[in-house]
Each structure stands twice: as structure tokens, then as C-alpha cells.
C-alpha atoms as a PDB file:
ATOM      1  CA  MET A   1       2.035   7.629 -32.522  1.00  0.00           C
ATOM      2  CA  GLY A   2       2.439  10.745 -30.392  1.00  0.00           C
ATOM      3  CA  SER A   3      -0.561  12.682 -31.671  1.00  0.00           C
ATOM      4  CA  TYR A   4      -3.041  13.713 -29.041  1.00  0.00           C
ATOM      5  CA  PHE A   5      -5.511  11.490 -30.890  1.00  0.00           C
ATOM      6  CA  SER A   6      -3.272   8.547 -30.094  1.00  0.00           C
ATOM      7  CA  LYS A   7      -4.113   6.114 -27.342  1.00  0.00           C
ATOM      8  CA  SER A   8      -0.642   4.558 -27.267  1.00  0.00           C
ATOM      9  CA  TRP A   9       1.658   7.345 -26.064  1.00  0.00           C
ATOM     10  CA  ASP A  10       4.313   5.680 -23.926  1.00  0.00           C
ATOM     11  CA  PRO A  11       5.939   7.685 -21.095  1.00  0.00           C
ATOM     12  CA  SER A  12       9.115   5.610 -21.283  1.00  0.00           C
ATOM     13  CA  THR A  13       9.764   6.815 -24.838  1.00  0.00           C
ATOM     14  CA  GLY A  14       7.539   9.898 -25.078  1.00  0.00           C
ATOM     15  CA  ILE A  15       8.940  11.912 -22.188  1.00  0.00           C
ATOM     16  CA  PRO A  16      11.945  13.983 -23.322  1.00  0.00           C
ATOM     17  CA  ASP A  17      15.105  14.520 -21.335  1.00  0.00           C
ATOM     18  CA  LEU A  18      14.081  16.652 -18.351  1.00  0.00           C
ATOM     19  CA  SER A  19      17.540  17.324 -16.986  1.00  0.00           C
ATOM     20  CA  GLY A  20      17.617  20.748 -15.360  1.00  0.00           C
ATOM     21  CA  ASN A  21      13.853  20.796 -14.866  1.00  0.00           C
ATOM     22  CA  VAL A  22      12.365  21.286 -11.403  1.00  0.00           C
ATOM     23  CA  VAL A  23       8.986  19.690 -10.757  1.00  0.00           C
ATOM     24  CA  VAL A  24       6.431  19.570  -7.934  1.00  0.00           C
ATOM     25  CA  VAL A  25       3.870  16.760  -7.754  1.00  0.00           C
ATOM     26  CA  THR A  26       1.244  16.893  -5.011  1.00  0.00           C
ATOM     27  CA  GLY A  27       0.094  13.617  -3.508  1.00  0.00           C
ATOM     28  CA  ALA A  28       3.202  11.967  -4.921  1.00  0.00           C
ATOM     29  CA  ASN A  29       3.571   9.337  -2.213  1.00  0.00           C
ATOM     30  CA  SER A  30       1.047   6.903  -3.752  1.00  0.00           C
ATOM     31  CA  GLY A  31      -1.086   6.025  -6.758  1.00  0.00           C
ATOM     32  CA  ILE A  32      -1.029   8.246  -9.833  1.00  0.00           C
ATOM     33  CA  GLY A  33       1.129  10.826  -8.081  1.00  0.00           C
ATOM     34  CA  TYR A  34       3.774   8.239  -7.227  1.00  0.00           C
ATOM     35  CA  THR A  35       3.971   7.013 -10.815  1.00  0.00           C
ATOM     36  CA  THR A  36       4.069  10.590 -12.097  1.00  0.00           C
ATOM     37  CA  ALA A  37       6.967  11.476  -9.793  1.00  0.00           C
ATOM     38  CA  GLU A  38       8.804   8.257 -10.640  1.00  0.00           C
ATOM     39  CA  GLN A  39       8.601   8.776 -14.393  1.00  0.00           C
ATOM     40  CA  LEU A  40       9.631  12.426 -14.217  1.00  0.00           C
ATOM     41  CA  ALA A  41      12.638  11.556 -12.032  1.00  0.00           C
ATOM     42  CA  ARG A  42      13.583   8.700 -14.374  1.00  0.00           C
ATOM     43  CA  HIS A  43      13.797  11.217 -17.190  1.00  0.00           C
ATOM     44  CA  GLY A  44      16.125  13.549 -15.329  1.00  0.00           C
ATOM     45  CA  ALA A  45      13.878  15.998 -13.482  1.00  0.00           C
ATOM     46  CA  LYS A  46      14.388  17.093  -9.907  1.00  0.00           C
ATOM     47  CA  VAL A  47      11.078  16.186  -8.294  1.00  0.00           C
ATOM     48  CA  TYR A  48       9.555  17.526  -5.100  1.00  0.00           C
ATOM     49  CA  VAL A  49       7.312  14.883  -3.561  1.00  0.00           C
ATOM     50  CA  ALA A  50       4.644  17.035  -1.923  1.00  0.00           C
ATOM     51  CA  ALA A  51       2.674  15.043   0.635  1.00  0.00           C
ATOM     52  CA  ARG A  52       1.195  15.251   4.101  1.00  0.00           C
ATOM     53  CA  SER A  53       2.940  12.219   5.630  1.00  0.00           C
ATOM     54  CA  GLU A  54       6.704  12.493   5.897  1.00  0.00           C
ATOM     55  CA  ALA A  55       7.071   8.776   6.611  1.00  0.00           C
ATOM     56  CA  ARG A  56       5.043   7.742   3.577  1.00  0.00           C
ATOM     57  CA  ALA A  57       6.752  10.271   1.352  1.00  0.00           C
ATOM     58  CA  HIS A  58      10.205   9.046   2.331  1.00  0.00           C
ATOM     59  CA  ALA A  59       9.079   5.443   1.837  1.00  0.00           C
ATOM     60  CA  ALA A  60       7.906   6.355  -1.671  1.00  0.00           C
ATOM     61  CA  ILE A  61      11.165   8.146  -2.424  1.00  0.00           C
ATOM     62  CA  GLU A  62      13.237   5.194  -1.275  1.00  0.00           C
ATOM     63  CA  LYS A  63      11.111   2.841  -3.355  1.00  0.00           C
ATOM     64  CA  ILE A  64      11.671   4.943  -6.466  1.00  0.00           C
ATOM     65  CA  TYR A  65      15.421   4.957  -5.871  1.00  0.00           C
ATOM     66  CA  ALA A  66      15.455   1.206  -5.264  1.00  0.00           C
ATOM     67  CA  ASN A  67      13.476   0.436  -8.414  1.00  0.00           C
ATOM     68  CA  ASN A  68      15.218   2.943 -10.671  1.00  0.00           C
ATOM     69  CA  ARG A  69      18.982   2.833 -10.353  1.00  0.00           C
ATOM     70  CA  GLU A  70      19.330   5.524 -13.023  1.00  0.00           C
ATOM     71  CA  VAL A  71      17.729   8.118 -10.724  1.00  0.00           C
ATOM     72  CA  ALA A  72      20.583  10.012  -9.117  1.00  0.00           C
ATOM     73  CA  ALA A  73      20.664  10.809  -5.412  1.00  0.00           C
ATOM     74  CA  GLY A  74      19.052  14.141  -4.620  1.00  0.00           C
ATOM     75  CA  LYS A  75      16.583  13.990  -7.511  1.00  0.00           C
ATOM     76  CA  LEU A  76      13.658  13.362  -5.142  1.00  0.00           C
ATOM     77  CA  ILE A  77      12.898  15.721  -2.269  1.00  0.00           C
ATOM     78  CA  PHE A  78      10.113  15.593   0.300  1.00  0.00           C
ATOM     79  CA  LEU A  79       8.000  18.728   0.564  1.00  0.00           C
ATOM     80  CA  PRO A  80       5.609  18.728   3.556  1.00  0.00           C
ATOM     81  CA  LEU A  81       2.163  19.720   2.289  1.00  0.00           C
ATOM     82  CA  ASP A  82      -1.212  19.276   3.992  1.00  0.00           C
ATOM     83  CA  LEU A  83      -3.790  20.627   1.555  1.00  0.00           C
ATOM     84  CA  ALA A  84      -6.455  20.532   4.279  1.00  0.00           C
ATOM     85  CA  ASP A  85      -4.595  23.268   6.163  1.00  0.00           C
ATOM     86  CA  LEU A  86      -3.927  26.540   4.356  1.00  0.00           C
ATOM     87  CA  ASP A  87      -1.185  27.399   6.857  1.00  0.00           C
ATOM     88  CA  SER A  88       0.627  24.243   5.740  1.00  0.00           C
ATOM     89  CA  VAL A  89       0.009  25.058   2.065  1.00  0.00           C
ATOM     90  CA  ALA A  90       1.495  28.526   2.393  1.00  0.00           C
ATOM     91  CA  LYS A  91       4.474  27.187   4.332  1.00  0.00           C
ATOM     92  CA  ALA A  92       5.127  24.481   1.729  1.00  0.00           C
ATOM     93  CA  ALA A  93       5.259  27.090  -1.033  1.00  0.00           C
ATOM     94  CA  GLU A  94       7.597  29.242   1.048  1.00  0.00           C
ATOM     95  CA  ILE A  95       9.913  26.294   1.718  1.00  0.00           C
ATOM     96  CA  PHE A  96      10.076  25.544  -1.991  1.00  0.00           C
ATOM     97  CA  LEU A  97      10.760  29.178  -2.912  1.00  0.00           C
ATOM     98  CA  LYS A  98      13.655  29.313  -0.465  1.00  0.00           C
ATOM     99  CA  GLN A  99      15.227  26.221  -2.017  1.00  0.00           C
ATOM    100  CA  GLU A 100      14.687  26.775  -5.748  1.00  0.00           C
ATOM    101  CA  ASN A 101      14.937  29.562  -8.304  1.00  0.00           C
ATOM    102  CA  ARG A 102      12.883  27.843 -11.018  1.00  0.00           C
ATOM    103  CA  LEU A 103       9.800  25.653 -11.443  1.00  0.00           C
ATOM    104  CA  ASN A 104       9.093  24.006 -14.794  1.00  0.00           C
ATOM    105  CA  ILE A 105       6.198  21.670 -14.027  1.00  0.00           C
ATOM    106  CA  LEU A 106       3.530  21.732 -11.332  1.00  0.00           C
ATOM    107  CA  VAL A 107       1.217  18.727 -11.178  1.00  0.00           C
ATOM    108  CA  ASN A 108      -1.785  19.348  -8.923  1.00  0.00           C
ATOM    109  CA  ASN A 109      -2.559  15.682  -8.414  1.00  0.00           C
ATOM    110  CA  ALA A 110      -3.587  15.090  -4.798  1.00  0.00           C
ATOM    111  CA  GLY A 111      -7.231  14.508  -4.002  1.00  0.00           C
ATOM    112  CA  VAL A 112      -9.640  13.119  -1.443  1.00  0.00           C
ATOM    113  CA  LEU A 113     -13.195  11.793  -1.525  1.00  0.00           C
ATOM    114  CA  THR A 114     -14.958  11.287   1.806  1.00  0.00           C
ATOM    115  CA  TRP A 115     -18.195   9.498   2.603  1.00  0.00           C
ATOM    116  CA  ASP A 116     -19.156  11.721   5.511  1.00  0.00           C
ATOM    117  CA  TYR A 117     -19.206  15.498   5.475  1.00  0.00           C
ATOM    118  CA  GLN A 118     -15.914  16.745   6.934  1.00  0.00           C
ATOM    119  CA  THR A 119     -14.148  20.077   7.045  1.00  0.00           C
ATOM    120  CA  THR A 120     -10.624  21.422   6.690  1.00  0.00           C
ATOM    121  CA  LYS A 121      -8.766  23.278   9.422  1.00  0.00           C
ATOM    122  CA  GLN A 122     -10.248  26.493   8.031  1.00  0.00           C
ATOM    123  CA  ALA A 123     -13.817  25.053   8.084  1.00  0.00           C
ATOM    124  CA  LEU A 124     -14.156  24.488   4.332  1.00  0.00           C
ATOM    125  CA  GLU A 125     -15.820  21.318   3.069  1.00  0.00           C
ATOM    126  CA  LEU A 126     -12.930  18.848   3.002  1.00  0.00           C
ATOM    127  CA  VAL A 127     -13.194  17.534  -0.565  1.00  0.00           C
ATOM    128  CA  THR A 128     -13.387  20.971  -2.175  1.00  0.00           C
ATOM    129  CA  GLY A 129     -10.990  22.400   0.408  1.00  0.00           C
ATOM    130  CA  VAL A 130      -8.296  19.888  -0.499  1.00  0.00           C
ATOM    131  CA  ASN A 131      -8.968  19.265  -4.179  1.00  0.00           C
ATOM    132  CA  HIS A 132      -9.439  22.903  -5.168  1.00  0.00           C
ATOM    133  CA  VAL A 133      -8.817  25.569  -2.508  1.00  0.00           C
ATOM    134  CA  GLY A 134      -5.564  24.067  -1.216  1.00  0.00           C
ATOM    135  CA  HIS A 135      -4.247  23.633  -4.744  1.00  0.00           C
ATOM    136  CA  PHE A 136      -5.380  27.146  -5.677  1.00  0.00           C
ATOM    137  CA  LEU A 137      -3.380  28.698  -2.858  1.00  0.00           C
ATOM    138  CA  PHE A 138      -0.369  26.511  -3.604  1.00  0.00           C
ATOM    139  CA  THR A 139      -0.413  27.435  -7.295  1.00  0.00           C
ATOM    140  CA  VAL A 140      -0.930  31.154  -6.671  1.00  0.00           C
ATOM    141  CA  LYS A 141       1.955  31.218  -4.192  1.00  0.00           C
ATOM    142  CA  LEU A 142       4.145  29.545  -6.822  1.00  0.00           C
ATOM    143  CA  LEU A 143       2.966  31.677  -9.745  1.00  0.00           C
ATOM    144  CA  PRO A 144       5.832  34.208  -9.470  1.00  0.00           C
ATOM    145  CA  ILE A 145       8.477  31.511  -9.900  1.00  0.00           C
ATOM    146  CA  LEU A 146       6.436  29.794 -12.622  1.00  0.00           C
ATOM    147  CA  LYS A 147       6.216  33.093 -14.515  1.00  0.00           C
ATOM    148  CA  THR A 148       9.915  33.841 -14.087  1.00  0.00           C
ATOM    149  CA  THR A 149      10.822  30.395 -15.383  1.00  0.00           C
ATOM    150  CA  ALA A 150       8.378  30.675 -18.290  1.00  0.00           C
ATOM    151  CA  ASN A 151       9.990  33.936 -19.411  1.00  0.00           C
ATOM    152  CA  GLU A 152      13.424  32.345 -19.714  1.00  0.00           C
ATOM    153  CA  LYS A 153      14.508  31.700 -23.287  1.00  0.00           C
ATOM    154  CA  GLY A 154      13.604  28.183 -24.423  1.00  0.00           C
ATOM    155  CA  SER A 155      11.675  27.433 -21.243  1.00  0.00           C
ATOM    156  CA  ASP A 156       8.632  25.164 -21.151  1.00  0.00           C
ATOM    157  CA  VAL A 157       6.400  25.659 -18.118  1.00  0.00           C
ATOM    158  CA  ARG A 158       3.202  23.738 -17.461  1.00  0.00           C
ATOM    159  CA  VAL A 159       0.572  23.422 -14.765  1.00  0.00           C
ATOM    160  CA  VAL A 160      -1.409  20.180 -14.885  1.00  0.00           C
ATOM    161  CA  THR A 161      -4.483  19.760 -12.689  1.00  0.00           C
ATOM    162  CA  VAL A 162      -6.058  16.342 -12.155  1.00  0.00           C
ATOM    163  CA  SER A 163      -9.850  16.428 -12.241  1.00  0.00           C
ATOM    164  CA  SER A 164     -12.316  13.610 -12.946  1.00  0.00           C
ATOM    165  CA  ALA A 165     -15.192  12.591 -15.168  1.00  0.00           C
ATOM    166  CA  GLY A 166     -17.106  12.722 -11.879  1.00  0.00           C
ATOM    167  CA  HIS A 167     -17.216  16.514 -12.242  1.00  0.00           C
ATOM    168  CA  ALA A 168     -20.510  16.075 -14.123  1.00  0.00           C
ATOM    169  CA  PHE A 169     -22.237  13.750 -11.627  1.00  0.00           C
ATOM    170  CA  LEU A 170     -24.850  15.508  -9.466  1.00  0.00           C
ATOM    171  CA  MET A 171     -23.153  18.877  -9.788  1.00  0.00           C
ATOM    172  CA  PRO A 172     -25.317  21.469  -8.003  1.00  0.00           C
ATOM    173  CA  ASP A 173     -26.141  24.792  -9.603  1.00  0.00           C
ATOM    174  CA  LEU A 174     -23.529  26.822  -7.753  1.00  0.00           C
ATOM    175  CA  THR A 175     -22.375  30.240  -8.887  1.00  0.00           C
ATOM    176  CA  PHE A 176     -19.109  30.366  -6.914  1.00  0.00           C
ATOM    177  CA  THR A 177     -19.976  33.799  -5.606  1.00  0.00           C
ATOM    178  CA  LEU A 178     -20.756  32.841  -2.001  1.00  0.00           C
ATOM    179  CA  THR A 179     -18.390  31.628   0.697  1.00  0.00           C
ATOM    180  CA  SER A 180     -20.957  28.916   1.401  1.00  0.00           C
ATOM    181  CA  ASP A 181     -20.148  27.371  -1.983  1.00  0.00           C
ATOM    182  CA  PHE A 182     -16.906  26.146  -0.384  1.00  0.00           C
ATOM    183  CA  THR A 183     -18.736  24.698   2.620  1.00  0.00           C
ATOM    184  CA  TYR A 184     -21.310  22.913   0.481  1.00  0.00           C
ATOM    185  CA  PRO A 185     -22.735  19.897   2.395  1.00  0.00           C
ATOM    186  CA  GLY A 186     -24.066  17.946  -0.600  1.00  0.00           C
ATOM    187  CA  VAL A 187     -27.506  17.450  -2.122  1.00  0.00           C
ATOM    188  CA  ALA A 188     -28.490  14.751   0.365  1.00  0.00           C
ATOM    189  CA  SER A 189     -26.956  12.191   2.665  1.00  0.00           C
ATOM    190  CA  GLY A 190     -24.957   9.159   1.643  1.00  0.00           C
ATOM    191  CA  VAL A 191     -23.815   8.512  -1.901  1.00  0.00           C
ATOM    192  CA  ARG A 192     -25.628  11.519  -3.390  1.00  0.00           C
ATOM    193  CA  SER A 193     -23.832  13.824  -0.988  1.00  0.00           C
ATOM    194  CA  GLN A 194     -20.521  12.166  -1.711  1.00  0.00           C
ATOM    195  CA  LEU A 195     -20.829  12.390  -5.490  1.00  0.00           C
ATOM    196  CA  SER A 196     -22.153  15.949  -5.349  1.00  0.00           C
ATOM    197  CA  ARG A 197     -19.320  17.196  -3.152  1.00  0.00           C
ATOM    198  CA  ASN A 198     -16.847  15.475  -5.462  1.00  0.00           C
ATOM    199  CA  ALA A 199     -18.471  17.140  -8.481  1.00  0.00           C
ATOM    200  CA  VAL A 200     -18.051  20.567  -6.896  1.00  0.00           C
ATOM    201  CA  SER A 201     -14.333  19.991  -6.352  1.00  0.00           C
ATOM    202  CA  LYS A 202     -13.664  18.425  -9.740  1.00  0.00           C
ATOM    203  CA  SER A 203     -15.631  21.065 -11.642  1.00  0.00           C
ATOM    204  CA  ALA A 204     -13.584  23.635  -9.752  1.00  0.00           C
ATOM    205  CA  ASN A 205     -10.384  21.919 -10.947  1.00  0.00           C
ATOM    206  CA  ILE A 206     -11.422  22.325 -14.582  1.00  0.00           C
ATOM    207  CA  LEU A 207     -12.631  25.903 -14.158  1.00  0.00           C
ATOM    208  CA  PHE A 208      -9.421  26.799 -12.316  1.00  0.00           C
ATOM    209  CA  ALA A 209      -7.198  25.363 -15.066  1.00  0.00           C
ATOM    210  CA  SER A 210      -9.043  27.213 -17.822  1.00  0.00           C
ATOM    211  CA  GLU A 211      -9.080  30.509 -15.926  1.00  0.00           C
ATOM    212  CA  LEU A 212      -5.385  30.200 -15.109  1.00  0.00           C
ATOM    213  CA  GLN A 213      -4.719  29.836 -18.820  1.00  0.00           C
ATOM    214  CA  ARG A 214      -6.866  32.868 -19.646  1.00  0.00           C
ATOM    215  CA  ARG A 215      -4.977  34.971 -17.133  1.00  0.00           C
ATOM    216  CA  MET A 216      -1.567  33.803 -18.342  1.00  0.00           C
ATOM    217  CA  ASP A 217      -2.546  34.556 -21.942  1.00  0.00           C
ATOM    218  CA  ALA A 218      -3.752  38.026 -20.921  1.00  0.00           C
ATOM    219  CA  GLU A 219      -0.336  38.677 -19.358  1.00  0.00           C
ATOM    220  CA  ASN A 220       1.454  37.132 -22.357  1.00  0.00           C
ATOM    221  CA  ILE A 221       3.085  34.565 -20.052  1.00  0.00           C
ATOM    222  CA  PRO A 222       3.871  31.335 -21.971  1.00  0.00           C
ATOM    223  CA  ILE A 223       2.566  28.934 -19.323  1.00  0.00           C
ATOM    224  CA  ILE A 224       0.388  26.033 -20.462  1.00  0.00           C
ATOM    225  CA  SER A 225      -2.400  25.077 -18.045  1.00  0.00           C
ATOM    226  CA  THR A 226      -4.483  21.940 -18.621  1.00  0.00           C
ATOM    227  CA  SER A 227      -6.823  19.666 -16.680  1.00  0.00           C
ATOM    228  CA  LEU A 228      -7.645  16.007 -17.109  1.00  0.00           C
ATOM    229  CA  SER A 229      -9.533  12.928 -16.065  1.00  0.00           C
ATOM    230  CA  PRO A 230      -7.223   9.955 -15.444  1.00  0.00           C
ATOM    231  CA  GLY A 231     -10.118   7.542 -15.996  1.00  0.00           C
ATOM    232  CA  GLY A 232     -11.270   4.972 -13.475  1.00  0.00           C
ATOM    233  CA  VAL A 233      -8.145   4.200 -11.470  1.00  0.00           C
ATOM    234  CA  ALA A 234      -7.756   1.946  -8.434  1.00  0.00           C
ATOM    235  CA  THR A 235      -6.095   4.369  -6.020  1.00  0.00           C
ATOM    236  CA  GLU A 236      -6.268   5.276  -2.352  1.00  0.00           C
ATOM    237  CA  GLY A 237      -8.208   8.383  -3.319  1.00  0.00           C
ATOM    238  CA  GLN A 238     -11.132   6.143  -4.216  1.00  0.00           C
ATOM    239  CA  ALA A 239     -11.065   4.381  -0.884  1.00  0.00           C
ATOM    240  CA  GLY A 240     -13.696   6.744   0.505  1.00  0.00           C
ATOM    241  CA  ILE A 241     -16.266   5.657  -2.088  1.00  0.00           C
ATOM    242  CA  LYS A 242     -18.841   3.415  -0.456  1.00  0.00           C
ATOM    243  CA  PHE A 243     -21.994   3.699  -2.541  1.00  0.00           C
ATOM    244  CA  GLY A 244     -24.110   2.390   0.332  1.00  0.00           C
ATOM    245  CA  PHE A 245     -26.020  -0.697  -0.709  1.00  0.00           C
ATOM    246  CA  PHE A 246     -24.162  -0.636  -4.027  1.00  0.00           C
ATOM    247  CA  GLY A 247     -20.887  -1.275  -2.207  1.00  0.00           C
ATOM    248  CA  PRO A 248     -20.459  -4.833  -3.549  1.00  0.00           C
ATOM    249  CA  VAL A 249     -21.053  -3.610  -7.111  1.00  0.00           C
ATOM    250  CA  TRP A 250     -18.468  -0.863  -6.629  1.00  0.00           C
ATOM    251  CA  TRP A 251     -15.996  -3.408  -5.235  1.00  0.00           C
ATOM    252  CA  LEU A 252     -16.365  -5.502  -8.402  1.00  0.00           C
ATOM    253  CA  ILE A 253     -15.876  -2.461 -10.635  1.00  0.00           C
ATOM    254  CA  LYS A 254     -12.893  -1.276  -8.644  1.00  0.00           C
ATOM    255  CA  THR A 255     -11.315  -4.736  -8.635  1.00  0.00           C
ATOM    256  CA  PHE A 256     -11.845  -5.787 -12.226  1.00  0.00           C
ATOM    257  CA  ALA A 257     -12.501  -2.659 -14.303  1.00  0.00           C
ATOM    258  CA  SER A 258     -10.188  -0.011 -12.874  1.00  0.00           C
ATOM    259  CA  ARG A 259      -7.055   1.053 -14.673  1.00  0.00           C
ATOM    260  CA  SER A 260      -3.706   0.744 -12.922  1.00  0.00           C
ATOM    261  CA  PRO A 261      -2.032   3.852 -11.452  1.00  0.00           C
ATOM    262  CA  GLN A 262       0.635   3.400 -14.139  1.00  0.00           C
ATOM    263  CA  LYS A 263      -1.972   3.819 -16.877  1.00  0.00           C
ATOM    264  CA  GLY A 264      -3.839   6.454 -14.905  1.00  0.00           C
ATOM    265  CA  ALA A 265      -0.711   8.609 -14.763  1.00  0.00           C
ATOM    266  CA  VAL A 266      -0.297   8.676 -18.545  1.00  0.00           C
ATOM    267  CA  PRO A 267      -2.549  11.733 -19.176  1.00  0.00           C
ATOM    268  CA  SER A 268      -0.735  13.734 -16.475  1.00  0.00           C
ATOM    269  CA  LEU A 269       2.664  12.782 -17.848  1.00  0.00           C
ATOM    270  CA  TYR A 270       1.592  13.470 -21.417  1.00  0.00           C
ATOM    271  CA  LEU A 271       0.256  16.945 -20.661  1.00  0.00           C
ATOM    272  CA  ALA A 272       3.243  17.747 -18.431  1.00  0.00           C
ATOM    273  CA  THR A 273       5.976  16.685 -20.854  1.00  0.00           C
ATOM    274  CA  ALA A 274       4.980  15.775 -24.429  1.00  0.00           C
ATOM    275  CA  GLU A 275       6.783  17.960 -26.967  1.00  0.00           C
ATOM    276  CA  GLU A 276       3.683  18.416 -29.119  1.00  0.00           C
ATOM    277  CA  VAL A 277       1.870  20.128 -26.268  1.00  0.00           C
ATOM    278  CA  ARG A 278       4.290  23.027 -26.554  1.00  0.00           C
ATOM    279  CA  GLN A 279       4.507  22.849 -30.344  1.00  0.00           C
ATOM    280  CA  ARG A 280       0.715  22.994 -30.730  1.00  0.00           C
ATOM    281  CA  LYS A 281      -0.116  25.059 -27.682  1.00  0.00           C
ATOM    282  CA  VAL A 282      -3.321  26.489 -29.128  1.00  0.00           C
ATOM    283  CA  GLU A 283      -4.827  22.992 -29.247  1.00  0.00           C
ATOM    284  CA  PHE A 284      -3.951  22.215 -25.634  1.00  0.00           C
ATOM    285  CA  ALA A 285      -3.862  25.372 -23.544  1.00  0.00           C
ATOM    286  CA  GLY A 286      -6.732  25.625 -21.091  1.00  0.00           C
ATOM    287  CA  ARG A 287      -8.329  22.409 -22.349  1.00  0.00           C
ATOM    288  CA  TYR A 288      -9.712  19.394 -20.480  1.00  0.00           C
ATOM    289  CA  PHE A 289      -8.489  15.942 -21.510  1.00  0.00           C
ATOM    290  CA  GLU A 290      -9.728  12.417 -20.938  1.00  0.00           C
ATOM    291  CA  SER A 291      -7.645   9.281 -20.444  1.00  0.00           C
ATOM    292  CA  SER A 292      -7.674   8.707 -24.211  1.00  0.00           C
ATOM    293  CA  LEU A 293      -5.508  11.859 -24.441  1.00  0.00           C
ATOM    294  CA  LYS A 294      -8.233  13.566 -26.434  1.00  0.00           C
ATOM    295  CA  PRO A 295      -9.381  17.095 -25.548  1.00  0.00           C
ATOM    296  CA  VAL A 296     -13.089  17.035 -24.770  1.00  0.00           C
ATOM    297  CA  ALA A 297     -15.683  19.533 -23.677  1.00  0.00           C
ATOM    298  CA  PRO A 298     -16.415  19.153 -19.962  1.00  0.00           C
ATOM    299  CA  SER A 299     -19.905  19.684 -18.571  1.00  0.00           C
ATOM    300  CA  LYS A 300     -21.751  22.892 -19.468  1.00  0.00           C
ATOM    301  CA  LEU A 301     -21.150  24.253 -15.989  1.00  0.00           C
ATOM    302  CA  ALA A 302     -17.421  23.403 -16.042  1.00  0.00           C
ATOM    303  CA  SER A 303     -17.140  25.108 -19.443  1.00  0.00           C
ATOM    304  CA  ASP A 304     -18.626  28.421 -18.304  1.00  0.00           C
ATOM    305  CA  PRO A 305     -15.984  31.209 -18.485  1.00  0.00           C
ATOM    306  CA  LYS A 306     -18.030  33.487 -16.225  1.00  0.00           C
ATOM    307  CA  LEU A 307     -18.162  30.762 -13.600  1.00  0.00           C
ATOM    308  CA  ALA A 308     -14.410  30.309 -13.964  1.00  0.00           C
ATOM    309  CA  ARG A 309     -13.868  33.999 -13.197  1.00  0.00           C
ATOM    310  CA  ASN A 310     -16.282  33.807 -10.269  1.00  0.00           C
ATOM    311  CA  LEU A 311     -14.423  30.808  -8.895  1.00  0.00           C
ATOM    312  CA  TRP A 312     -11.046  32.523  -9.178  1.00  0.00           C
ATOM    313  CA  GLU A 313     -12.290  35.649  -7.407  1.00  0.00           C
ATOM    314  CA  LEU A 314     -13.987  33.651  -4.641  1.00  0.00           C
ATOM    315  CA  SER A 315     -10.842  31.567  -4.218  1.00  0.00           C
ATOM    316  CA  GLU A 316      -8.701  34.701  -4.018  1.00  0.00           C
ATOM    317  CA  ALA A 317     -10.968  36.122  -1.339  1.00  0.00           C
ATOM    318  CA  THR A 318     -10.891  32.837   0.568  1.00  0.00           C
ATOM    319  CA  VAL A 319      -7.090  32.561   0.642  1.00  0.00           C
ATOM    320  CA  GLY A 320      -6.395  36.292   0.852  1.00  0.00           C
ATOM    321  CA  LYS A 321      -4.941  36.037   4.351  1.00  0.00           C
ATOM    322  CA  TRP A 322      -2.277  33.619   3.090  1.00  0.00           C
ATOM    323  CA  THR A 323      -1.405  35.454  -0.131  1.00  0.00           C
ATOM    324  CA  ALA A 324      -1.030  38.832   1.558  1.00  0.00           C
ATOM    325  CA  THR A 325       2.151  37.709   3.341  1.00  0.00           C
END
């Protein structure tokens, strides 16, 4: 038990004491993010609940306190973050940096999946804009404090990015060299468009995590970056899935075959906290994991190091206005 080939790692016993650790979890007001924040706080971490809705974030925080008497007051803090607005993303990072001098764990968890084509405030396709570009800016803005923390003696710093097995479904042949790749409308209307736009964002999550690791290794910064699929989980993020005429079939799958958010959060918690991840870094760093906690090869496109570099450079150019200040 405890090996990454194990399917029975238990957060309640597997997560070490996180006292003194500072953590940010995006989308922590519901679903997998809520469970992730709850477990990290239960094990002593100070957790920033990064979410768009202040009311829902505070409701989640109060629920965690009510259900976990061992979580001390002040361990959970709301951080206003709207990933669909890069102004909000930059401001959220700045707020955090004014309040903290360390960051041990960043969990890029939040995600959306829309039926219709929508755009962010900055006119990016909404799914990719939120799932990748918003998280890219947020992570880059927090990289200085992540690096500083990682260079402290005995420190253990990790960036965990939630992707999906859906990264391989109807992924278009994008090169991530054109601005239009972030405004991608989908291969067709309806479900094909929805799945294709999701694949763009989730492939970007995997490519981002692997390229972040490459860059940290090149700088000799001991940060561990990983990505994962939580498996089929019944969360609000799936609410946008309609599947057209297949709606009733999807409802049955979602109702009877989906994993709970508690189980869906296990890969995130494992990669963010398990001792063996640090002890056997070479086996984990930059890798993509499935819900079984096994490292697997993602799609050919999501495994392409050149595409990962292209994505990083395009993302940098896209958010340059917000990183220059």
C-alpha cells in the first residue's frame, strides 16, 4: 500500500502532517476542489479557496469547518479568482503575494465545459481560456514564490494540474503557434464541438505540466509538476455536457457510473502530498497520471515536447500584458 501502482491509497492516512504548508486550490468551492481543500486543511495546511463566487466559497469554507472540528480557525481563506478574466487572475495572484511569503502546493483544479461556443472577457474560447490560459497566468504569476519556497532547505513544492482522459477525444491537429488556437470554435456544432474544445483545453493542461517541469529542471529548481485525470466524476464541471440525442444515455452514466468527488480527488491529493512522490521524483515529475494512480502516456499530441514548448510560448505571448506588471 502506498506505491503508485496501488489503487488503495487513502488520503486520511496517506497525507502527512502539512502544518506550516500554504496551499492554493482553484475551484475549491465544490466537487473535487472542495474535497481537495478539505483534506489538505484537515492535515494542517493553510488553504486558499480560490473561486469566482465569494458567497459559494464562504459557504464551502463554513461547511468544512462545521464538518471538521480539528480544522483551526483561519486555516481556510477565500481568494477571489475568475479564470475567465485575466485581470481577475492577475489580481488574485497579487492578493496572495501580499498576504504570504511561501507557497508549497498549487492545485490547478478548476474547469468548465460548455455546450455552446462562448468566450472569456479577453475573447478567448471559454473552455481553453479558463482551463488552460487562466491557470497558466495564475501559475506564472506565482512562480517566484513557488521557486523561493522550493529552494528552502527541506521544502517540498508541487504544482498539480487536473486534466482529463477527454484530452484524446476529437483533439484537432493544432500546433499552438497561432493566437487562433486559443479561440478555436470546435470541429463542428453540438457534441463534436464540445468534446473537441474540451480536448484542446485538457491537452493543454498536460503539455503545460510537462513543460513546467522541463523548465524547472533546467533551472535546477526542485518543484514537482504533474497532471492527472480524476476519472469519470459527477461534478458541476460536467453539467455542461449534453450529448444531444445521447443525453439520456449520458444521464444514466453520470448517475450510476460516475465516481464520487471524494474518490475523484484522490489522484490530486496523492500527487500533491504523498511522500513517495518526493522520494522517487524521477518517476513522477512531469508525468500524467490516471485515477488508478498509475503514470500513463497521454495521447501522442499531448506527449509532444515541441508542442509543449509552442504552447508555453503562445501562452506567454497571450498573457504578456498581465505578466509585465
